[in-house]
């Protein structure tokens, strides 16, 4: 799988939890939803730089632990009325393993 790196087993991330991957592009937060979907976002809130990986995952969004900004996990966009965007990263599940694409 060119450009893809294995992060961990899905079971290594608690439901509604996250895992941080250090990369040359900055820290990347890998999130797991209650439905076992996985998403990757730059681990920095666009509002004031808070660590999104320490936020609360709900549905397909995460709430920044510093000021409550809600970010969509699918597209990285702030949920209205908030504004801003966190960079997204491709993440996939394969045979119970979480993979992250770094370009």
PDB file of N, CA and C in Angstrom:
ATOM      1  N   UNK A   1       0.839  -1.176   0.000  1.00  0.00           N
ATOM      2  CA  UNK A   1       0.000   0.000   0.000  1.00  0.00           C
ATOM      3  C   UNK A   1       0.891   1.248   0.000  1.00  0.00           C
ATOM      4  N   UNK A   2       1.159   1.760  -1.166  1.00  0.00           N
ATOM      5  CA  UNK A   2       2.042   2.904  -1.314  1.00  0.00           C
ATOM      6  C   UNK A   2       1.488   4.134  -0.617  1.00  0.00           C
ATOM      7  N   UNK A   3       2.337   4.795   0.198  1.00  0.00           N
ATOM      8  CA  UNK A   3       1.940   6.001   0.888  1.00  0.00           C
ATOM      9  C   UNK A   3       1.110   5.770   2.134  1.00  0.00           C
ATOM     10  N   UNK A   4       0.768   4.533   2.417  1.00  0.00           N
ATOM     11  CA  UNK A   4      -0.044   4.208   3.583  1.00  0.00           C
ATOM     12  C   UNK A   4       0.845   3.632   4.684  1.00  0.00           C
ATOM     13  N   UNK A   5       0.611   4.077   5.928  1.00  0.00           N
ATOM     14  CA  UNK A   5       1.343   3.514   7.061  1.00  0.00           C
ATOM     15  C   UNK A   5       0.331   2.929   8.047  1.00  0.00           C
ATOM     16  N   UNK A   6       0.709   1.807   8.629  1.00  0.00           N
ATOM     17  CA  UNK A   6      -0.147   1.179   9.642  1.00  0.00           C
ATOM     18  C   UNK A   6      -0.032   1.990  10.924  1.00  0.00           C
ATOM     19  N   UNK A   7      -1.171   2.344  11.506  1.00  0.00           N
ATOM     20  CA  UNK A   7      -1.196   3.114  12.743  1.00  0.00           C
ATOM     21  C   UNK A   7      -1.317   2.179  13.938  1.00  0.00           C
ATOM     22  N   UNK A   8      -2.350   1.337  13.928  1.00  0.00           N
ATOM     23  CA  UNK A   8      -2.613   0.436  15.039  1.00  0.00           C
ATOM     24  C   UNK A   8      -3.807  -0.443  14.682  1.00  0.00           C
ATOM     25  N   UNK A   9      -4.127  -1.364  15.574  1.00  0.00           N
ATOM     26  CA  UNK A   9      -5.366  -2.123  15.429  1.00  0.00           C
ATOM     27  C   UNK A   9      -6.523  -1.208  15.822  1.00  0.00           C
ATOM     28  N   UNK A  10      -7.689  -1.402  15.212  1.00  0.00           N
ATOM     29  CA  UNK A  10      -8.852  -0.588  15.559  1.00  0.00           C
ATOM     30  C   UNK A  10      -9.135  -0.676  17.058  1.00  0.00           C
ATOM     31  N   UNK A  11      -8.991  -1.856  17.627  1.00  0.00           N
ATOM     32  CA  UNK A  11      -9.268  -2.052  19.050  1.00  0.00           C
ATOM     33  C   UNK A  11      -8.319  -1.280  19.961  1.00  0.00           C
ATOM     34  N   UNK A  12      -7.214  -0.768  19.415  1.00  0.00           N
ATOM     35  CA  UNK A  12      -6.280   0.038  20.208  1.00  0.00           C
ATOM     36  C   UNK A  12      -6.765   1.473  20.400  1.00  0.00           C
ATOM     37  N   UNK A  13      -7.827   1.849  19.676  1.00  0.00           N
ATOM     38  CA  UNK A  13      -8.447   3.164  19.844  1.00  0.00           C
ATOM     39  C   UNK A  13      -9.823   2.914  20.457  1.00  0.00           C
ATOM     40  N   UNK A  14     -10.071   3.487  21.612  1.00  0.00           N
ATOM     41  CA  UNK A  14     -11.370   3.317  22.262  1.00  0.00           C
ATOM     42  C   UNK A  14     -12.474   3.922  21.402  1.00  0.00           C
ATOM     43  N   UNK A  15     -13.667   3.336  21.418  1.00  0.00           N
ATOM     44  CA  UNK A  15     -14.785   3.980  20.727  1.00  0.00           C
ATOM     45  C   UNK A  15     -14.936   5.416  21.240  1.00  0.00           C
ATOM     46  N   UNK A  16     -15.146   6.358  20.341  1.00  0.00           N
ATOM     47  CA  UNK A  16     -15.233   7.788  20.626  1.00  0.00           C
ATOM     48  C   UNK A  16     -13.901   8.350  21.132  1.00  0.00           C
ATOM     49  N   UNK A  17     -12.816   7.652  20.808  1.00  0.00           N
ATOM     50  CA  UNK A  17     -11.487   8.075  21.232  1.00  0.00           C
ATOM     51  C   UNK A  17     -10.616   8.468  20.057  1.00  0.00           C
ATOM     52  N   UNK A  18      -9.335   8.659  20.358  1.00  0.00           N
ATOM     53  CA  UNK A  18      -8.388   9.069  19.318  1.00  0.00           C
ATOM     54  C   UNK A  18      -6.999   8.537  19.619  1.00  0.00           C
ATOM     55  N   UNK A  19      -6.158   8.648  18.629  1.00  0.00           N
ATOM     56  CA  UNK A  19      -4.745   8.288  18.716  1.00  0.00           C
ATOM     57  C   UNK A  19      -3.989   9.351  17.948  1.00  0.00           C
ATOM     58  N   UNK A  20      -2.843   9.790  18.441  1.00  0.00           N
ATOM     59  CA  UNK A  20      -2.047  10.823  17.768  1.00  0.00           C
ATOM     60  C   UNK A  20      -0.854  10.161  17.077  1.00  0.00           C
ATOM     61  N   UNK A  21      -0.645  10.549  15.828  1.00  0.00           N
ATOM     62  CA  UNK A  21       0.489  10.083  15.036  1.00  0.00           C
ATOM     63  C   UNK A  21       1.363  11.288  14.729  1.00  0.00           C
ATOM     64  N   UNK A  22       2.623  11.214  15.119  1.00  0.00           N
ATOM     65  CA  UNK A  22       3.571  12.282  14.790  1.00  0.00           C
ATOM     66  C   UNK A  22       4.031  12.082  13.352  1.00  0.00           C
ATOM     67  N   UNK A  23       4.066  13.161  12.585  1.00  0.00           N
ATOM     68  CA  UNK A  23       4.521  13.066  11.199  1.00  0.00           C
ATOM     69  C   UNK A  23       5.274  14.338  10.829  1.00  0.00           C
ATOM     70  N   UNK A  24       5.905  14.313   9.678  1.00  0.00           N
ATOM     71  CA  UNK A  24       6.609  15.502   9.195  1.00  0.00           C
ATOM     72  C   UNK A  24       5.626  16.627   8.874  1.00  0.00           C
ATOM     73  N   UNK A  25       4.341  16.291   8.767  1.00  0.00           N
ATOM     74  CA  UNK A  25       3.293  17.270   8.491  1.00  0.00           C
ATOM     75  C   UNK A  25       2.638  17.781   9.785  1.00  0.00           C
ATOM     76  N   UNK A  26       3.193  17.416  10.925  1.00  0.00           N
ATOM     77  CA  UNK A  26       2.615  17.777  12.217  1.00  0.00           C
ATOM     78  C   UNK A  26       1.858  16.606  12.804  1.00  0.00           C
ATOM     79  N   UNK A  27       1.383  16.777  14.021  1.00  0.00           N
ATOM     80  CA  UNK A  27       0.620  15.710  14.666  1.00  0.00           C
ATOM     81  C   UNK A  27      -0.716  15.521  13.963  1.00  0.00           C
ATOM     82  N   UNK A  28      -1.081  14.249  13.787  1.00  0.00           N
ATOM     83  CA  UNK A  28      -2.334  13.886  13.140  1.00  0.00           C
ATOM     84  C   UNK A  28      -3.151  13.090  14.148  1.00  0.00           C
ATOM     85  N   UNK A  29      -4.387  13.515  14.371  1.00  0.00           N
ATOM     86  CA  UNK A  29      -5.290  12.812  15.277  1.00  0.00           C
ATOM     87  C   UNK A  29      -6.142  11.841  14.464  1.00  0.00           C
ATOM     88  N   UNK A  30      -6.122  10.579  14.877  1.00  0.00           N
ATOM     89  CA  UNK A  30      -6.954   9.548  14.266  1.00  0.00           C
ATOM     90  C   UNK A  30      -8.121   9.310  15.216  1.00  0.00           C
ATOM     91  N   UNK A  31      -9.342   9.516  14.751  1.00  0.00           N
ATOM     92  CA  UNK A  31     -10.532   9.393  15.579  1.00  0.00           C
ATOM     93  C   UNK A  31     -11.316   8.143  15.224  1.00  0.00           C
ATOM     94  N   UNK A  32     -11.933   7.533  16.239  1.00  0.00           N
ATOM     95  CA  UNK A  32     -12.825   6.387  16.058  1.00  0.00           C
ATOM     96  C   UNK A  32     -14.207   6.789  16.552  1.00  0.00           C
ATOM     97  N   UNK A  33     -15.216   6.611  15.718  1.00  0.00           N
ATOM     98  CA  UNK A  33     -16.588   6.934  16.104  1.00  0.00           C
ATOM     99  C   UNK A  33     -17.239   5.734  16.784  1.00  0.00           C
ATOM    100  N   UNK A  34     -18.435   5.943  17.304  1.00  0.00           N
ATOM    101  CA  UNK A  34     -19.189   4.854  17.929  1.00  0.00           C
ATOM    102  C   UNK A  34     -19.535   3.770  16.914  1.00  0.00           C
ATOM    103  N   UNK A  35     -19.607   4.145  15.633  1.00  0.00           N
ATOM    104  CA  UNK A  35     -19.925   3.206  14.556  1.00  0.00           C
ATOM    105  C   UNK A  35     -18.664   2.573  13.961  1.00  0.00           C
ATOM    106  N   UNK A  36     -17.527   2.744  14.638  1.00  0.00           N
ATOM    107  CA  UNK A  36     -16.238   2.190  14.208  1.00  0.00           C
ATOM    108  C   UNK A  36     -15.736   2.744  12.883  1.00  0.00           C
ATOM    109  N   UNK A  37     -16.130   3.972  12.554  1.00  0.00           N
ATOM    110  CA  UNK A  37     -15.532   4.662  11.415  1.00  0.00           C
ATOM    111  C   UNK A  37     -14.281   5.373  11.928  1.00  0.00           C
ATOM    112  N   UNK A  38     -13.298   5.555  11.048  1.00  0.00           N
ATOM    113  CA  UNK A  38     -12.068   6.238  11.433  1.00  0.00           C
ATOM    114  C   UNK A  38     -11.828   7.440  10.517  1.00  0.00           C
ATOM    115  N   UNK A  39     -11.300   8.506  11.111  1.00  0.00           N
ATOM    116  CA  UNK A  39     -11.048   9.754  10.398  1.00  0.00           C
ATOM    117  C   UNK A  39      -9.726  10.334  10.873  1.00  0.00           C
ATOM    118  N   UNK A  40      -9.080  11.112  10.015  1.00  0.00           N
ATOM    119  CA  UNK A  40      -7.828  11.762  10.383  1.00  0.00           C
ATOM    120  C   UNK A  40      -7.896  13.265  10.184  1.00  0.00           C
ATOM    121  N   UNK A  41      -7.488  14.009  11.218  1.00  0.00           N
ATOM    122  CA  UNK A  41      -7.436  15.470  11.153  1.00  0.00           C
ATOM    123  C   UNK A  41      -6.114  15.959  11.722  1.00  0.00           C
ATOM    124  N   UNK A  42      -5.653  17.086  11.220  1.00  0.00           N
ATOM    125  CA  UNK A  42      -4.509  17.752  11.840  1.00  0.00           C
ATOM    126  C   UNK A  42      -4.903  18.016  13.289  1.00  0.00           C
ATOM    127  N   UNK A  43      -4.034  17.675  14.223  1.00  0.00           N
ATOM    128  CA  UNK A  43      -4.370  17.746  15.649  1.00  0.00           C
ATOM    129  C   UNK A  43      -4.232  19.168  16.187  1.00  0.00           C
ATOM    130  N   UNK A  44      -4.880  20.094  15.506  1.00  0.00           N
ATOM    131  CA  UNK A  44      -4.788  21.498  15.893  1.00  0.00           C
ATOM    132  C   UNK A  44      -6.075  22.203  15.493  1.00  0.00           C
ATOM    133  N   UNK A  45      -6.796  22.685  16.489  1.00  0.00           N
ATOM    134  CA  UNK A  45      -8.045  23.391  16.219  1.00  0.00           C
ATOM    135  C   UNK A  45      -7.750  24.671  15.434  1.00  0.00           C
ATOM    136  N   UNK A  46      -8.548  24.963  14.399  1.00  0.00           N
ATOM    137  CA  UNK A  46      -8.307  26.185  13.623  1.00  0.00           C
ATOM    138  C   UNK A  46      -8.614  27.465  14.403  1.00  0.00           C
ATOM    139  N   UNK A  47      -9.302  27.366  15.513  1.00  0.00           N
ATOM    140  CA  UNK A  47      -9.658  28.548  16.297  1.00  0.00           C
ATOM    141  C   UNK A  47      -8.465  29.074  17.081  1.00  0.00           C
ATOM    142  N   UNK A  48      -7.933  28.273  18.014  1.00  0.00           N
ATOM    143  CA  UNK A  48      -6.810  28.732  18.839  1.00  0.00           C
ATOM    144  C   UNK A  48      -5.739  27.668  19.009  1.00  0.00           C
ATOM    145  N   UNK A  49      -5.751  26.654  18.137  1.00  0.00           N
ATOM    146  CA  UNK A  49      -4.687  25.656  18.141  1.00  0.00           C
ATOM    147  C   UNK A  49      -4.808  24.569  19.188  1.00  0.00           C
ATOM    148  N   UNK A  50      -5.972  24.416  19.780  1.00  0.00           N
ATOM    149  CA  UNK A  50      -6.156  23.377  20.802  1.00  0.00           C
ATOM    150  C   UNK A  50      -5.987  21.982  20.223  1.00  0.00           C
ATOM    151  N   UNK A  51      -5.624  20.998  21.066  1.00  0.00           N
ATOM    152  CA  UNK A  51      -5.420  19.623  20.605  1.00  0.00           C
ATOM    153  C   UNK A  51      -6.750  18.906  20.386  1.00  0.00           C
ATOM    154  N   UNK A  52      -7.156  18.757  19.141  1.00  0.00           N
ATOM    155  CA  UNK A  52      -8.432  18.106  18.837  1.00  0.00           C
ATOM    156  C   UNK A  52      -8.473  16.674  19.358  1.00  0.00           C
ATOM    157  N   UNK A  53      -7.321  16.023  19.437  1.00  0.00           N
ATOM    158  CA  UNK A  53      -7.268  14.638  19.917  1.00  0.00           C
ATOM    159  C   UNK A  53      -7.758  14.512  21.357  1.00  0.00           C
ATOM    160  N   UNK A  54      -7.777  15.605  22.090  1.00  0.00           N
ATOM    161  CA  UNK A  54      -8.246  15.592  23.477  1.00  0.00           C
ATOM    162  C   UNK A  54      -9.698  16.047  23.595  1.00  0.00           C
ATOM    163  N   UNK A  55     -10.333  16.258  22.449  1.00  0.00           N
ATOM    164  CA  UNK A  55     -11.723  16.702  22.433  1.00  0.00           C
ATOM    165  C   UNK A  55     -12.698  15.551  22.581  1.00  0.00           C
ATOM    166  N   UNK A  56     -13.978  15.884  22.579  1.00  0.00           N
ATOM    167  CA  UNK A  56     -15.044  14.904  22.722  1.00  0.00           C
ATOM    168  C   UNK A  56     -15.592  14.564  21.339  1.00  0.00           C
ATOM    169  N   UNK A  57     -15.573  13.264  21.004  1.00  0.00           N
ATOM    170  CA  UNK A  57     -16.116  12.788  19.734  1.00  0.00           C
ATOM    171  C   UNK A  57     -17.602  12.499  19.926  1.00  0.00           C
ATOM    172  N   UNK A  58     -18.423  13.014  19.015  1.00  0.00           N
ATOM    173  CA  UNK A  58     -19.867  12.778  19.058  1.00  0.00           C
ATOM    174  C   UNK A  58     -20.357  12.721  17.623  1.00  0.00           C
ATOM    175  N   UNK A  59     -21.041  11.637  17.288  1.00  0.00           N
ATOM    176  CA  UNK A  59     -21.467  11.450  15.903  1.00  0.00           C
ATOM    177  C   UNK A  59     -20.261  11.461  14.991  1.00  0.00           C
ATOM    178  N   UNK A  60     -20.274  12.314  13.985  1.00  0.00           N
ATOM    179  CA  UNK A  60     -19.141  12.467  13.066  1.00  0.00           C
ATOM    180  C   UNK A  60     -18.463  13.817  13.255  1.00  0.00           C
ATOM    181  N   UNK A  61     -18.329  14.233  14.530  1.00  0.00           N
ATOM    182  CA  UNK A  61     -17.683  15.506  14.840  1.00  0.00           C
ATOM    183  C   UNK A  61     -16.865  15.359  16.119  1.00  0.00           C
ATOM    184  N   UNK A  62     -15.974  16.324  16.327  1.00  0.00           N
ATOM    185  CA  UNK A  62     -15.195  16.414  17.560  1.00  0.00           C
ATOM    186  C   UNK A  62     -15.309  17.849  18.062  1.00  0.00           C
ATOM    187  N   UNK A  63     -15.411  17.995  19.376  1.00  0.00           N
ATOM    188  CA  UNK A  63     -15.477  19.320  19.982  1.00  0.00           C
ATOM    189  C   UNK A  63     -14.140  19.636  20.623  1.00  0.00           C
ATOM    190  N   UNK A  64     -13.556  20.766  20.249  1.00  0.00           N
ATOM    191  CA  UNK A  64     -12.266  21.188  20.791  1.00  0.00           C
ATOM    192  C   UNK A  64     -12.374  21.343  22.309  1.00  0.00           C
ATOM    193  N   UNK A  65     -11.385  20.826  23.041  1.00  0.00           N
ATOM    194  CA  UNK A  65     -11.444  20.904  24.500  1.00  0.00           C
ATOM    195  C   UNK A  65     -11.203  22.310  25.059  1.00  0.00           C
ATOM    196  N   UNK A  66     -10.680  23.226  24.255  1.00  0.00           N
ATOM    197  CA  UNK A  66     -10.372  24.559  24.766  1.00  0.00           C
ATOM    198  C   UNK A  66     -11.556  25.518  24.739  1.00  0.00           C
ATOM    199  N   UNK A  67     -12.236  25.606  23.597  1.00  0.00           N
ATOM    200  CA  UNK A  67     -13.281  26.618  23.467  1.00  0.00           C
ATOM    201  C   UNK A  67     -14.571  26.089  22.856  1.00  0.00           C
ATOM    202  N   UNK A  68     -14.692  24.769  22.696  1.00  0.00           N
ATOM    203  CA  UNK A  68     -15.949  24.192  22.247  1.00  0.00           C
ATOM    204  C   UNK A  68     -16.240  24.264  20.764  1.00  0.00           C
ATOM    205  N   UNK A  69     -15.246  24.622  19.935  1.00  0.00           N
ATOM    206  CA  UNK A  69     -15.461  24.639  18.485  1.00  0.00           C
ATOM    207  C   UNK A  69     -15.724  23.215  18.011  1.00  0.00           C
ATOM    208  N   UNK A  70     -16.769  23.019  17.201  1.00  0.00           N
ATOM    209  CA  UNK A  70     -17.111  21.692  16.681  1.00  0.00           C
ATOM    210  C   UNK A  70     -16.575  21.553  15.268  1.00  0.00           C
ATOM    211  N   UNK A  71     -15.850  20.457  15.027  1.00  0.00           N
ATOM    212  CA  UNK A  71     -15.232  20.195  13.724  1.00  0.00           C
ATOM    213  C   UNK A  71     -15.780  18.883  13.165  1.00  0.00           C
ATOM    214  N   UNK A  72     -16.240  18.905  11.910  1.00  0.00           N
ATOM    215  CA  UNK A  72     -16.707  17.691  11.248  1.00  0.00           C
ATOM    216  C   UNK A  72     -15.531  16.773  10.950  1.00  0.00           C
ATOM    217  N   UNK A  73     -15.666  15.505  11.288  1.00  0.00           N
ATOM    218  CA  UNK A  73     -14.572  14.556  11.064  1.00  0.00           C
ATOM    219  C   UNK A  73     -14.400  14.216   9.587  1.00  0.00           C
ATOM    220  N   UNK A  74     -15.480  14.247   8.821  1.00  0.00           N
ATOM    221  CA  UNK A  74     -15.396  13.880   7.406  1.00  0.00           C
ATOM    222  C   UNK A  74     -14.670  14.916   6.563  1.00  0.00           C
ATOM    223  N   UNK A  75     -14.939  16.202   6.835  1.00  0.00           N
ATOM    224  CA  UNK A  75     -14.381  17.243   5.970  1.00  0.00           C
ATOM    225  C   UNK A  75     -13.489  18.257   6.690  1.00  0.00           C
ATOM    226  N   UNK A  76     -13.398  18.171   8.018  1.00  0.00           N
ATOM    227  CA  UNK A  76     -12.562  19.100   8.773  1.00  0.00           C
ATOM    228  C   UNK A  76     -13.163  20.481   8.948  1.00  0.00           C
ATOM    229  N   UNK A  77     -14.351  20.690   8.416  1.00  0.00           N
ATOM    230  CA  UNK A  77     -15.001  22.011   8.477  1.00  0.00           C
ATOM    231  C   UNK A  77     -15.653  22.234   9.835  1.00  0.00           C
ATOM    232  N   UNK A  78     -15.566  23.461  10.324  1.00  0.00           N
ATOM    233  CA  UNK A  78     -16.266  23.831  11.550  1.00  0.00           C
ATOM    234  C   UNK A  78     -17.768  23.735  11.299  1.00  0.00           C
ATOM    235  N   UNK A  79     -18.500  23.291  12.328  1.00  0.00           N
ATOM    236  CA  UNK A  79     -19.951  23.175  12.243  1.00  0.00           C
ATOM    237  C   UNK A  79     -20.542  24.552  12.538  1.00  0.00           C
ATOM    238  N   UNK A  80     -21.440  25.037  11.654  1.00  0.00           N
ATOM    239  CA  UNK A  80     -22.051  26.361  11.825  1.00  0.00           C
ATOM    240  C   UNK A  80     -22.695  26.467  13.202  1.00  0.00           C
ATOM    241  N   UNK A  81     -22.588  27.598  13.838  1.00  0.00           N
ATOM    242  CA  UNK A  81     -22.161  28.899  13.320  1.00  0.00           C
ATOM    243  C   UNK A  81     -20.656  29.121  13.391  1.00  0.00           C
ATOM    244  N   UNK A  82     -19.895  28.122  13.878  1.00  0.00           N
ATOM    245  CA  UNK A  82     -18.444  28.285  13.959  1.00  0.00           C
ATOM    246  C   UNK A  82     -17.839  28.340  12.563  1.00  0.00           C
ATOM    247  N   UNK A  83     -16.634  28.889  12.482  1.00  0.00           N
ATOM    248  CA  UNK A  83     -15.932  28.996  11.196  1.00  0.00           C
ATOM    249  C   UNK A  83     -14.514  28.482  11.354  1.00  0.00           C
ATOM    250  N   UNK A  84     -13.976  27.917  10.268  1.00  0.00           N
ATOM    251  CA  UNK A  84     -12.613  27.405  10.266  1.00  0.00           C
ATOM    252  C   UNK A  84     -12.575  26.004   9.680  1.00  0.00           C
ATOM    253  N   UNK A  85     -11.375  25.508   9.492  1.00  0.00           N
ATOM    254  CA  UNK A  85     -11.204  24.189   8.890  1.00  0.00           C
ATOM    255  C   UNK A  85      -9.894  23.561   9.364  1.00  0.00           C
ATOM    256  N   UNK A  86      -9.946  22.294   9.717  1.00  0.00           N
ATOM    257  CA  UNK A  86      -8.759  21.516  10.060  1.00  0.00           C
ATOM    258  C   UNK A  86      -8.430  20.626   8.865  1.00  0.00           C
ATOM    259  N   UNK A  87      -7.158  20.484   8.559  1.00  0.00           N
ATOM    260  CA  UNK A  87      -6.742  19.645   7.436  1.00  0.00           C
ATOM    261  C   UNK A  87      -7.129  18.190   7.697  1.00  0.00           C
ATOM    262  N   UNK A  88      -7.659  17.547   6.669  1.00  0.00           N
ATOM    263  CA  UNK A  88      -8.027  16.137   6.777  1.00  0.00           C
ATOM    264  C   UNK A  88      -6.937  15.255   6.180  1.00  0.00           C
ATOM    265  N   UNK A  89      -6.899  14.022   6.651  1.00  0.00           N
ATOM    266  CA  UNK A  89      -5.969  13.013   6.140  1.00  0.00           C
ATOM    267  C   UNK A  89      -6.759  11.745   5.851  1.00  0.00           C
ATOM    268  N   UNK A  90      -6.393  11.054   4.774  1.00  0.00           N
ATOM    269  CA  UNK A  90      -7.069   9.807   4.417  1.00  0.00           C
ATOM    270  C   UNK A  90      -6.705   8.723   5.425  1.00  0.00           C
ATOM    271  N   UNK A  91      -7.733   8.064   5.951  1.00  0.00           N
ATOM    272  CA  UNK A  91      -7.574   6.966   6.897  1.00  0.00           C
ATOM    273  C   UNK A  91      -8.506   5.858   6.447  1.00  0.00           C
ATOM    274  N   UNK A  92      -8.071   4.621   6.605  1.00  0.00           N
ATOM    275  CA  UNK A  92      -8.940   3.499   6.229  1.00  0.00           C
ATOM    276  C   UNK A  92      -8.728   2.333   7.180  1.00  0.00           C
ATOM    277  N   UNK A  93      -9.722   1.439   7.172  1.00  0.00           N
ATOM    278  CA  UNK A  93      -9.649   0.191   7.926  1.00  0.00           C
ATOM    279  C   UNK A  93      -9.415  -0.940   6.945  1.00  0.00           C
ATOM    280  N   UNK A  94      -8.524  -1.842   7.297  1.00  0.00           N
ATOM    281  CA  UNK A  94      -8.277  -3.023   6.478  1.00  0.00           C
ATOM    282  C   UNK A  94      -8.006  -4.180   7.427  1.00  0.00           C
ATOM    283  N   UNK A  95      -8.923  -5.143   7.458  1.00  0.00           N
ATOM    284  CA  UNK A  95      -8.789  -6.324   8.310  1.00  0.00           C
ATOM    285  C   UNK A  95      -8.553  -5.957   9.780  1.00  0.00           C
ATOM    286  N   UNK A  96      -9.295  -4.947  10.250  1.00  0.00           N
ATOM    287  CA  UNK A  96      -9.199  -4.548  11.639  1.00  0.00           C
ATOM    288  C   UNK A  96      -8.000  -3.687  11.987  1.00  0.00           C
ATOM    289  N   UNK A  97      -7.249  -3.271  10.966  1.00  0.00           N
ATOM    290  CA  UNK A  97      -6.075  -2.411  11.169  1.00  0.00           C
ATOM    291  C   UNK A  97      -6.376  -1.012  10.619  1.00  0.00           C
ATOM    292  N   UNK A  98      -5.878   0.003  11.317  1.00  0.00           N
ATOM    293  CA  UNK A  98      -6.070   1.398  10.908  1.00  0.00           C
ATOM    294  C   UNK A  98      -4.849   1.841  10.117  1.00  0.00           C
ATOM    295  N   UNK A  99      -5.092   2.406   8.946  1.00  0.00           N
ATOM    296  CA  UNK A  99      -4.027   2.867   8.048  1.00  0.00           C
ATOM    297  C   UNK A  99      -4.210   4.359   7.767  1.00  0.00           C
ATOM    298  N   UNK A 100      -3.096   5.076   7.679  1.00  0.00           N
ATOM    299  CA  UNK A 100      -3.070   6.505   7.414  1.00  0.00           C
ATOM    300  C   UNK A 100      -2.258   6.751   6.149  1.00  0.00           C
ATOM    301  N   UNK A 101      -2.801   7.580   5.251  1.00  0.00           N
ATOM    302  CA  UNK A 101      -2.066   7.910   4.037  1.00  0.00           C
ATOM    303  C   UNK A 101      -1.310   9.218   4.234  1.00  0.00           C
ATOM    304  N   UNK A 102      -0.012   9.149   4.029  1.00  0.00           N
ATOM    305  CA  UNK A 102       0.835  10.341   4.063  1.00  0.00           C
ATOM    306  C   UNK A 102       1.396  10.556   2.676  1.00  0.00           C
ATOM    307  N   UNK A 103       1.226  11.752   2.150  1.00  0.00           N
ATOM    308  CA  UNK A 103       1.688  12.043   0.787  1.00  0.00           C
ATOM    309  C   UNK A 103       2.992  12.782   0.849  1.00  0.00           C
TER     310      UNK A 103
END
